[in-house]
């Protein structure tokens, strides 16, 4: 089994620069499609704190990006974003949906990266103790165990990505997908099919979810926010934002990822 054990910055620095605009455009369309599928199920309202981040930088001359965050009665924080310079081979795209405390369904995390080879991540971000609460594991992770193992066996082009940061490794569920790969047509199709399937599965979980008792919702909401903030602030890839846009804008982008400047209220707990 192949494995990648490098920081994102190392991957970028050690690889010749190549224009990846075509793949970037394809992936933007893919995440827009998935966001539309989520918006068909949930009421989403753009948080005004991200209005000015709808477009930053200048894509015609260098690095640029876009970040939009949404909330709603059942969605705590949904982020749809990209950052980078596809002409020089680096771009990072995100679609992440954090649910409100009314249900315990895992949050949905997806990310796509070009450096200029491909990298992707998709996970059901746990909201419970997978070892202490076996019913939670069985509800959301047991069925994905066998497909996860088969993926590693059936797709030798994909190299498992092991973060050099222990905190990030600890944030992954046992059935997270986190791989680097050559950006060939078959591999791109594999990633797109997997992301579509995981979003469909996640929406199915939401449809079948039982409500969380009212007295437990505040604690769940507090845990969700702490996790989201910690993951955003400790992401080693933040250094790429600082390289392109400096510390001040990068800090603002990181706050937008977890909702540090949000205007609209969180879902009622």
C-alpha atoms as a PDB file:
ATOM      1  CA  UNK A   1       0.000   0.000   0.000  1.00  0.00           C
ATOM      2  CA  UNK A   2       1.487   3.331  -1.054  1.00  0.00           C
ATOM      3  CA  UNK A   3       1.584   6.171   1.442  1.00  0.00           C
ATOM      4  CA  UNK A   4       2.281   9.900   1.335  1.00  0.00           C
ATOM      5  CA  UNK A   5       3.829  11.363   4.492  1.00  0.00           C
ATOM      6  CA  UNK A   6       4.535  15.002   3.651  1.00  0.00           C
ATOM      7  CA  UNK A   7       3.156  18.395   4.544  1.00  0.00           C
ATOM      8  CA  UNK A   8       1.090  20.009   1.797  1.00  0.00           C
ATOM      9  CA  UNK A   9       3.704  22.757   1.506  1.00  0.00           C
ATOM     10  CA  UNK A  10       6.384  20.109   0.926  1.00  0.00           C
ATOM     11  CA  UNK A  11       4.296  18.458  -1.782  1.00  0.00           C
ATOM     12  CA  UNK A  12       3.903  21.792  -3.553  1.00  0.00           C
ATOM     13  CA  UNK A  13       7.542  22.843  -3.180  1.00  0.00           C
ATOM     14  CA  UNK A  14       8.937  19.524  -4.418  1.00  0.00           C
ATOM     15  CA  UNK A  15       6.772  19.255  -7.551  1.00  0.00           C
ATOM     16  CA  UNK A  16       7.209  21.144 -10.847  1.00  0.00           C
ATOM     17  CA  UNK A  17       4.511  23.740 -11.523  1.00  0.00           C
ATOM     18  CA  UNK A  18       1.835  22.785 -14.076  1.00  0.00           C
ATOM     19  CA  UNK A  19      -1.373  24.545 -15.162  1.00  0.00           C
ATOM     20  CA  UNK A  20      -4.325  22.627 -13.656  1.00  0.00           C
ATOM     21  CA  UNK A  21      -7.116  24.985 -14.707  1.00  0.00           C
ATOM     22  CA  UNK A  22      -9.105  22.289 -16.545  1.00  0.00           C
ATOM     23  CA  UNK A  23      -9.256  19.992 -13.499  1.00  0.00           C
ATOM     24  CA  UNK A  24      -9.917  22.945 -11.205  1.00  0.00           C
ATOM     25  CA  UNK A  25     -12.926  23.977 -13.315  1.00  0.00           C
ATOM     26  CA  UNK A  26     -14.201  20.396 -13.270  1.00  0.00           C
ATOM     27  CA  UNK A  27     -13.903  20.168  -9.511  1.00  0.00           C
ATOM     28  CA  UNK A  28     -15.619  23.513  -8.995  1.00  0.00           C
ATOM     29  CA  UNK A  29     -18.555  22.183 -10.989  1.00  0.00           C
ATOM     30  CA  UNK A  30     -18.570  18.980  -8.933  1.00  0.00           C
ATOM     31  CA  UNK A  31     -18.687  20.771  -5.572  1.00  0.00           C
ATOM     32  CA  UNK A  32     -21.303  23.212  -6.886  1.00  0.00           C
ATOM     33  CA  UNK A  33     -23.409  20.214  -7.912  1.00  0.00           C
ATOM     34  CA  UNK A  34     -23.054  18.631  -4.456  1.00  0.00           C
ATOM     35  CA  UNK A  35     -23.830  21.913  -2.714  1.00  0.00           C
ATOM     36  CA  UNK A  36     -26.990  22.202  -4.836  1.00  0.00           C
ATOM     37  CA  UNK A  37     -28.058  18.713  -3.740  1.00  0.00           C
ATOM     38  CA  UNK A  38     -27.606  19.722  -0.112  1.00  0.00           C
ATOM     39  CA  UNK A  39     -29.496  22.992  -0.697  1.00  0.00           C
ATOM     40  CA  UNK A  40     -32.445  21.016  -2.065  1.00  0.00           C
ATOM     41  CA  UNK A  41     -32.787  19.377   1.371  1.00  0.00           C
ATOM     42  CA  UNK A  42     -31.856  22.233   3.724  1.00  0.00           C
ATOM     43  CA  UNK A  43     -32.766  25.889   4.022  1.00  0.00           C
ATOM     44  CA  UNK A  44     -29.488  27.783   3.599  1.00  0.00           C
ATOM     45  CA  UNK A  45     -28.902  31.487   4.265  1.00  0.00           C
ATOM     46  CA  UNK A  46     -25.618  33.141   3.294  1.00  0.00           C
ATOM     47  CA  UNK A  47     -23.968  34.593   6.370  1.00  0.00           C
ATOM     48  CA  UNK A  48     -23.119  38.276   5.759  1.00  0.00           C
ATOM     49  CA  UNK A  49     -19.709  37.839   7.367  1.00  0.00           C
ATOM     50  CA  UNK A  50     -18.539  36.087   4.190  1.00  0.00           C
ATOM     51  CA  UNK A  51     -20.018  38.483   1.616  1.00  0.00           C
ATOM     52  CA  UNK A  52     -16.696  40.279   1.122  1.00  0.00           C
ATOM     53  CA  UNK A  53     -14.942  36.938   0.694  1.00  0.00           C
ATOM     54  CA  UNK A  54     -17.044  35.965  -2.308  1.00  0.00           C
ATOM     55  CA  UNK A  55     -14.054  36.920  -4.456  1.00  0.00           C
ATOM     56  CA  UNK A  56     -10.585  37.908  -3.271  1.00  0.00           C
ATOM     57  CA  UNK A  57      -7.261  38.169  -5.046  1.00  0.00           C
ATOM     58  CA  UNK A  58      -7.028  38.447  -8.839  1.00  0.00           C
ATOM     59  CA  UNK A  59      -7.343  35.173 -10.757  1.00  0.00           C
ATOM     60  CA  UNK A  60      -6.116  36.905 -13.932  1.00  0.00           C
ATOM     61  CA  UNK A  61      -2.733  37.731 -12.439  1.00  0.00           C
ATOM     62  CA  UNK A  62      -2.113  35.443  -9.476  1.00  0.00           C
ATOM     63  CA  UNK A  63      -3.640  33.718  -6.455  1.00  0.00           C
ATOM     64  CA  UNK A  64      -7.358  34.170  -5.811  1.00  0.00           C
ATOM     65  CA  UNK A  65     -10.202  32.543  -3.970  1.00  0.00           C
ATOM     66  CA  UNK A  66     -13.806  32.518  -2.866  1.00  0.00           C
ATOM     67  CA  UNK A  67     -15.452  31.590   0.410  1.00  0.00           C
ATOM     68  CA  UNK A  68     -19.177  31.449   1.133  1.00  0.00           C
ATOM     69  CA  UNK A  69     -20.647  30.233   4.408  1.00  0.00           C
ATOM     70  CA  UNK A  70     -24.285  29.396   5.059  1.00  0.00           C
ATOM     71  CA  UNK A  71     -26.470  28.592   8.019  1.00  0.00           C
ATOM     72  CA  UNK A  72     -30.086  27.627   8.554  1.00  0.00           C
ATOM     73  CA  UNK A  73     -32.580  25.963  10.886  1.00  0.00           C
ATOM     74  CA  UNK A  74     -30.829  22.578  10.556  1.00  0.00           C
ATOM     75  CA  UNK A  75     -27.373  23.621   9.343  1.00  0.00           C
ATOM     76  CA  UNK A  76     -24.954  25.198  11.793  1.00  0.00           C
ATOM     77  CA  UNK A  77     -22.277  26.138   9.239  1.00  0.00           C
ATOM     78  CA  UNK A  78     -21.774  25.117   5.616  1.00  0.00           C
ATOM     79  CA  UNK A  79     -18.625  26.258   3.800  1.00  0.00           C
ATOM     80  CA  UNK A  80     -18.206  26.279   0.017  1.00  0.00           C
ATOM     81  CA  UNK A  81     -14.799  27.627  -0.922  1.00  0.00           C
ATOM     82  CA  UNK A  82     -11.643  27.512  -3.012  1.00  0.00           C
ATOM     83  CA  UNK A  83      -8.223  29.118  -2.769  1.00  0.00           C
ATOM     84  CA  UNK A  84      -5.109  29.002  -4.949  1.00  0.00           C
ATOM     85  CA  UNK A  85      -3.656  29.685  -8.384  1.00  0.00           C
ATOM     86  CA  UNK A  86      -4.582  26.910 -10.842  1.00  0.00           C
ATOM     87  CA  UNK A  87      -2.215  28.294 -13.459  1.00  0.00           C
ATOM     88  CA  UNK A  88       0.718  27.355 -11.219  1.00  0.00           C
ATOM     89  CA  UNK A  89      -0.659  24.011 -10.094  1.00  0.00           C
ATOM     90  CA  UNK A  90      -2.011  24.664  -6.595  1.00  0.00           C
ATOM     91  CA  UNK A  91      -5.652  24.970  -5.596  1.00  0.00           C
ATOM     92  CA  UNK A  92      -7.675  23.816  -2.571  1.00  0.00           C
ATOM     93  CA  UNK A  93     -11.463  23.401  -2.647  1.00  0.00           C
ATOM     94  CA  UNK A  94     -13.848  22.693   0.238  1.00  0.00           C
ATOM     95  CA  UNK A  95     -17.455  21.733   0.799  1.00  0.00           C
ATOM     96  CA  UNK A  96     -18.157  21.025   4.446  1.00  0.00           C
ATOM     97  CA  UNK A  97     -21.547  20.875   6.163  1.00  0.00           C
ATOM     98  CA  UNK A  98     -21.864  21.038   9.952  1.00  0.00           C
ATOM     99  CA  UNK A  99     -25.312  20.069  11.179  1.00  0.00           C
ATOM    100  CA  UNK A 100     -27.279  21.655  13.980  1.00  0.00           C
ATOM    101  CA  UNK A 101     -27.726  19.873  17.317  1.00  0.00           C
ATOM    102  CA  UNK A 102     -31.184  18.513  16.523  1.00  0.00           C
ATOM    103  CA  UNK A 103     -29.630  15.265  15.260  1.00  0.00           C
ATOM    104  CA  UNK A 104     -26.401  13.356  15.895  1.00  0.00           C
ATOM    105  CA  UNK A 105     -25.733  12.507  12.263  1.00  0.00           C
ATOM    106  CA  UNK A 106     -22.006  12.984  11.515  1.00  0.00           C
ATOM    107  CA  UNK A 107     -21.005  16.192   9.801  1.00  0.00           C
ATOM    108  CA  UNK A 108     -19.987  16.014   6.138  1.00  0.00           C
ATOM    109  CA  UNK A 109     -16.415  16.943   5.261  1.00  0.00           C
ATOM    110  CA  UNK A 110     -15.010  17.061   1.719  1.00  0.00           C
ATOM    111  CA  UNK A 111     -11.883  18.655   0.270  1.00  0.00           C
ATOM    112  CA  UNK A 112     -10.101  18.518  -3.088  1.00  0.00           C
ATOM    113  CA  UNK A 113      -6.530  19.628  -3.674  1.00  0.00           C
ATOM    114  CA  UNK A 114      -4.289  20.000  -6.711  1.00  0.00           C
ATOM    115  CA  UNK A 115      -0.555  20.388  -6.134  1.00  0.00           C
ATOM    116  CA  UNK A 116      -0.523  19.670  -9.243  1.00  0.00           C
ATOM    117  CA  UNK A 117      -1.273  15.961  -8.687  1.00  0.00           C
ATOM    118  CA  UNK A 118      -4.588  15.246  -7.046  1.00  0.00           C
ATOM    119  CA  UNK A 119      -5.562  14.799  -3.407  1.00  0.00           C
ATOM    120  CA  UNK A 120      -8.975  14.295  -1.859  1.00  0.00           C
ATOM    121  CA  UNK A 121     -10.649  13.887   1.494  1.00  0.00           C
ATOM    122  CA  UNK A 122     -14.172  12.879   2.392  1.00  0.00           C
ATOM    123  CA  UNK A 123     -15.368  11.878   5.846  1.00  0.00           C
ATOM    124  CA  UNK A 124     -18.309  11.554   8.149  1.00  0.00           C
ATOM    125  CA  UNK A 125     -17.035  13.698  11.035  1.00  0.00           C
ATOM    126  CA  UNK A 126     -18.055  11.892  14.246  1.00  0.00           C
ATOM    127  CA  UNK A 127     -20.288  13.504  16.832  1.00  0.00           C
ATOM    128  CA  UNK A 128     -20.048  10.720  19.350  1.00  0.00           C
ATOM    129  CA  UNK A 129     -17.657   8.252  20.977  1.00  0.00           C
ATOM    130  CA  UNK A 130     -17.081   5.511  18.398  1.00  0.00           C
ATOM    131  CA  UNK A 131     -15.559   3.141  20.943  1.00  0.00           C
ATOM    132  CA  UNK A 132     -17.706   3.862  23.981  1.00  0.00           C
ATOM    133  CA  UNK A 133     -20.969   4.107  22.023  1.00  0.00           C
ATOM    134  CA  UNK A 134     -21.083   1.053  19.769  1.00  0.00           C
ATOM    135  CA  UNK A 135     -24.581   1.875  18.526  1.00  0.00           C
ATOM    136  CA  UNK A 136     -23.263   5.162  17.082  1.00  0.00           C
ATOM    137  CA  UNK A 137     -20.429   3.327  15.350  1.00  0.00           C
ATOM    138  CA  UNK A 138     -22.811   0.706  13.988  1.00  0.00           C
ATOM    139  CA  UNK A 139     -25.240   3.363  12.720  1.00  0.00           C
ATOM    140  CA  UNK A 140     -22.759   5.400  10.693  1.00  0.00           C
ATOM    141  CA  UNK A 141     -19.439   3.592  10.273  1.00  0.00           C
ATOM    142  CA  UNK A 142     -19.867  -0.195  10.261  1.00  0.00           C
ATOM    143  CA  UNK A 143     -21.463  -0.313   6.790  1.00  0.00           C
ATOM    144  CA  UNK A 144     -18.634   1.760   5.318  1.00  0.00           C
ATOM    145  CA  UNK A 145     -15.885  -0.447   6.715  1.00  0.00           C
ATOM    146  CA  UNK A 146     -15.824  -3.039   3.919  1.00  0.00           C
ATOM    147  CA  UNK A 147     -16.052  -0.504   1.047  1.00  0.00           C
ATOM    148  CA  UNK A 148     -13.220   1.451   2.674  1.00  0.00           C
ATOM    149  CA  UNK A 149     -10.996  -1.639   2.740  1.00  0.00           C
ATOM    150  CA  UNK A 150     -11.901  -2.546  -0.842  1.00  0.00           C
ATOM    151  CA  UNK A 151     -11.003   0.940  -2.058  1.00  0.00           C
ATOM    152  CA  UNK A 152      -7.463   0.523  -0.765  1.00  0.00           C
ATOM    153  CA  UNK A 153      -7.217  -2.826  -2.554  1.00  0.00           C
ATOM    154  CA  UNK A 154      -8.910  -1.895  -5.834  1.00  0.00           C
ATOM    155  CA  UNK A 155      -7.287   1.483  -6.525  1.00  0.00           C
ATOM    156  CA  UNK A 156      -3.499   1.054  -6.437  1.00  0.00           C
ATOM    157  CA  UNK A 157      -2.986   4.491  -8.016  1.00  0.00           C
ATOM    158  CA  UNK A 158      -4.168   6.117  -4.788  1.00  0.00           C
ATOM    159  CA  UNK A 159      -1.616   6.657  -2.014  1.00  0.00           C
ATOM    160  CA  UNK A 160      -2.934   7.020   1.535  1.00  0.00           C
ATOM    161  CA  UNK A 161      -2.114  10.483   2.874  1.00  0.00           C
ATOM    162  CA  UNK A 162      -0.778  10.430   6.418  1.00  0.00           C
ATOM    163  CA  UNK A 163      -0.672  13.910   7.927  1.00  0.00           C
ATOM    164  CA  UNK A 164       2.543  14.736   9.765  1.00  0.00           C
ATOM    165  CA  UNK A 165       0.354  16.430  12.388  1.00  0.00           C
ATOM    166  CA  UNK A 166      -1.034  14.087  15.024  1.00  0.00           C
ATOM    167  CA  UNK A 167      -4.017  16.329  15.736  1.00  0.00           C
ATOM    168  CA  UNK A 168      -5.147  16.108  12.111  1.00  0.00           C
ATOM    169  CA  UNK A 169      -4.684  12.324  12.090  1.00  0.00           C
ATOM    170  CA  UNK A 170      -6.835  12.174  15.214  1.00  0.00           C
ATOM    171  CA  UNK A 171      -9.613  14.132  13.526  1.00  0.00           C
ATOM    172  CA  UNK A 172     -10.230  11.417  10.929  1.00  0.00           C
ATOM    173  CA  UNK A 173     -12.855   8.736  11.403  1.00  0.00           C
ATOM    174  CA  UNK A 174     -11.968   5.058  10.770  1.00  0.00           C
ATOM    175  CA  UNK A 175     -13.654   5.247   7.350  1.00  0.00           C
ATOM    176  CA  UNK A 176     -12.256   8.570   6.150  1.00  0.00           C
ATOM    177  CA  UNK A 177     -10.851   8.759   2.619  1.00  0.00           C
ATOM    178  CA  UNK A 178      -7.651  10.799   2.430  1.00  0.00           C
ATOM    179  CA  UNK A 179      -5.524  10.038  -0.626  1.00  0.00           C
ATOM    180  CA  UNK A 180      -3.156  11.581  -3.142  1.00  0.00           C
ATOM    181  CA  UNK A 181      -3.257  10.319  -6.728  1.00  0.00           C
ATOM    182  CA  UNK A 182      -2.243  11.023 -10.341  1.00  0.00           C
ATOM    183  CA  UNK A 183      -4.906  13.218 -11.962  1.00  0.00           C
ATOM    184  CA  UNK A 184      -5.833  10.768 -14.719  1.00  0.00           C
ATOM    185  CA  UNK A 185      -9.327  10.580 -16.163  1.00  0.00           C
ATOM    186  CA  UNK A 186     -10.188   7.262 -14.441  1.00  0.00           C
ATOM    187  CA  UNK A 187      -8.938   8.559 -11.079  1.00  0.00           C
ATOM    188  CA  UNK A 188     -10.876  11.813 -11.367  1.00  0.00           C
ATOM    189  CA  UNK A 189     -14.023   9.831 -12.172  1.00  0.00           C
ATOM    190  CA  UNK A 190     -13.408   7.581  -9.165  1.00  0.00           C
ATOM    191  CA  UNK A 191     -13.180  10.575  -6.838  1.00  0.00           C
ATOM    192  CA  UNK A 192     -16.316  12.199  -8.280  1.00  0.00           C
ATOM    193  CA  UNK A 193     -18.315   8.970  -7.966  1.00  0.00           C
ATOM    194  CA  UNK A 194     -17.192   8.479  -4.380  1.00  0.00           C
ATOM    195  CA  UNK A 195     -18.048  12.029  -3.316  1.00  0.00           C
ATOM    196  CA  UNK A 196     -21.502  11.784  -4.891  1.00  0.00           C
ATOM    197  CA  UNK A 197     -22.122   8.467  -3.132  1.00  0.00           C
ATOM    198  CA  UNK A 198     -21.021   9.776   0.253  1.00  0.00           C
ATOM    199  CA  UNK A 199     -23.200  12.878  -0.037  1.00  0.00           C
ATOM    200  CA  UNK A 200     -26.186  10.698  -0.968  1.00  0.00           C
ATOM    201  CA  UNK A 201     -25.477   8.441   2.004  1.00  0.00           C
ATOM    202  CA  UNK A 202     -25.199  11.447   4.326  1.00  0.00           C
ATOM    203  CA  UNK A 203     -28.524  12.856   3.131  1.00  0.00           C
ATOM    204  CA  UNK A 204     -30.064   9.443   3.752  1.00  0.00           C
ATOM    205  CA  UNK A 205     -28.776   9.471   7.312  1.00  0.00           C
ATOM    206  CA  UNK A 206     -30.318  12.888   7.846  1.00  0.00           C
ATOM    207  CA  UNK A 207     -33.671  11.710   6.531  1.00  0.00           C
ATOM    208  CA  UNK A 208     -33.704   8.737   8.928  1.00  0.00           C
ATOM    209  CA  UNK A 209     -32.266  10.513  11.993  1.00  0.00           C
ATOM    210  CA  UNK A 210     -33.993  10.537  15.343  1.00  0.00           C
ATOM    211  CA  UNK A 211     -34.100  13.866  17.211  1.00  0.00           C
ATOM    212  CA  UNK A 212     -31.653  14.622  19.995  1.00  0.00           C
ATOM    213  CA  UNK A 213     -33.373  15.230  23.349  1.00  0.00           C
ATOM    214  CA  UNK A 214     -33.658  18.968  24.019  1.00  0.00           C
ATOM    215  CA  UNK A 215     -31.623  18.790  27.214  1.00  0.00           C
ATOM    216  CA  UNK A 216     -28.636  17.315  25.324  1.00  0.00           C
ATOM    217  CA  UNK A 217     -28.537  19.742  22.413  1.00  0.00           C
ATOM    218  CA  UNK A 218     -26.550  22.565  24.018  1.00  0.00           C
ATOM    219  CA  UNK A 219     -23.649  20.273  24.902  1.00  0.00           C
ATOM    220  CA  UNK A 220     -23.645  18.818  21.395  1.00  0.00           C
ATOM    221  CA  UNK A 221     -23.625  22.303  19.836  1.00  0.00           C
ATOM    222  CA  UNK A 222     -20.696  23.340  22.044  1.00  0.00           C
ATOM    223  CA  UNK A 223     -18.729  20.238  21.069  1.00  0.00           C
ATOM    224  CA  UNK A 224     -19.436  20.858  17.373  1.00  0.00           C
ATOM    225  CA  UNK A 225     -18.141  24.425  17.538  1.00  0.00           C
ATOM    226  CA  UNK A 226     -14.995  23.449  19.433  1.00  0.00           C
ATOM    227  CA  UNK A 227     -14.210  20.728  16.899  1.00  0.00           C
ATOM    228  CA  UNK A 228     -14.807  22.999  13.921  1.00  0.00           C
ATOM    229  CA  UNK A 229     -12.648  25.778  15.328  1.00  0.00           C
ATOM    230  CA  UNK A 230      -9.816  23.477  16.354  1.00  0.00           C
ATOM    231  CA  UNK A 231      -9.666  21.742  12.977  1.00  0.00           C
ATOM    232  CA  UNK A 232      -9.701  25.045  11.089  1.00  0.00           C
ATOM    233  CA  UNK A 233      -7.069  26.710  13.250  1.00  0.00           C
ATOM    234  CA  UNK A 234      -4.714  23.728  13.420  1.00  0.00           C
ATOM    235  CA  UNK A 235      -4.788  22.827   9.718  1.00  0.00           C
ATOM    236  CA  UNK A 236      -1.139  22.711   8.553  1.00  0.00           C
ATOM    237  CA  UNK A 237      -2.273  23.787   5.059  1.00  0.00           C
ATOM    238  CA  UNK A 238      -3.024  27.276   6.442  1.00  0.00           C
ATOM    239  CA  UNK A 239       0.598  28.089   5.666  1.00  0.00           C
ATOM    240  CA  UNK A 240      -0.298  28.073   1.965  1.00  0.00           C
ATOM    241  CA  UNK A 241      -2.838  30.840   2.567  1.00  0.00           C
ATOM    242  CA  UNK A 242      -0.202  32.897   4.369  1.00  0.00           C
ATOM    243  CA  UNK A 243       2.197  32.446   1.457  1.00  0.00           C
ATOM    244  CA  UNK A 244      -0.364  33.716  -1.051  1.00  0.00           C
ATOM    245  CA  UNK A 245      -2.277  36.362   0.917  1.00  0.00           C
ATOM    246  CA  UNK A 246      -0.410  37.110   4.128  1.00  0.00           C
ATOM    247  CA  UNK A 247      -1.288  36.455   7.750  1.00  0.00           C
ATOM    248  CA  UNK A 248      -4.109  38.986   8.142  1.00  0.00           C
ATOM    249  CA  UNK A 249      -6.344  37.716   5.332  1.00  0.00           C
ATOM    250  CA  UNK A 250      -5.489  34.107   6.148  1.00  0.00           C
ATOM    251  CA  UNK A 251      -6.621  34.632   9.736  1.00  0.00           C
ATOM    252  CA  UNK A 252      -9.901  36.029   8.444  1.00  0.00           C
ATOM    253  CA  UNK A 253     -10.363  33.069   6.108  1.00  0.00           C
ATOM    254  CA  UNK A 254      -9.698  30.621   8.931  1.00  0.00           C
ATOM    255  CA  UNK A 255     -12.265  32.401  11.132  1.00  0.00           C
ATOM    256  CA  UNK A 256     -14.760  32.131   8.267  1.00  0.00           C
ATOM    257  CA  UNK A 257     -14.173  28.376   8.114  1.00  0.00           C
ATOM    258  CA  UNK A 258     -15.395  27.938  11.679  1.00  0.00           C
ATOM    259  CA  UNK A 259     -17.777  30.902  11.916  1.00  0.00           C
ATOM    260  CA  UNK A 260     -15.750  33.204  14.147  1.00  0.00           C
ATOM    261  CA  UNK A 261     -17.237  36.332  12.575  1.00  0.00           C
ATOM    262  CA  UNK A 262     -20.712  34.980  11.917  1.00  0.00           C
ATOM    263  CA  UNK A 263     -23.678  37.362  11.987  1.00  0.00           C
ATOM    264  CA  UNK A 264     -26.635  34.980  11.747  1.00  0.00           C
ATOM    265  CA  UNK A 265     -27.489  32.936  14.861  1.00  0.00           C
ATOM    266  CA  UNK A 266     -26.650  29.275  15.260  1.00  0.00           C
ATOM    267  CA  UNK A 267     -29.552  26.801  15.053  1.00  0.00           C
ATOM    268  CA  UNK A 268     -31.572  26.792  18.246  1.00  0.00           C
ATOM    269  CA  UNK A 269     -30.361  24.314  20.823  1.00  0.00           C
END
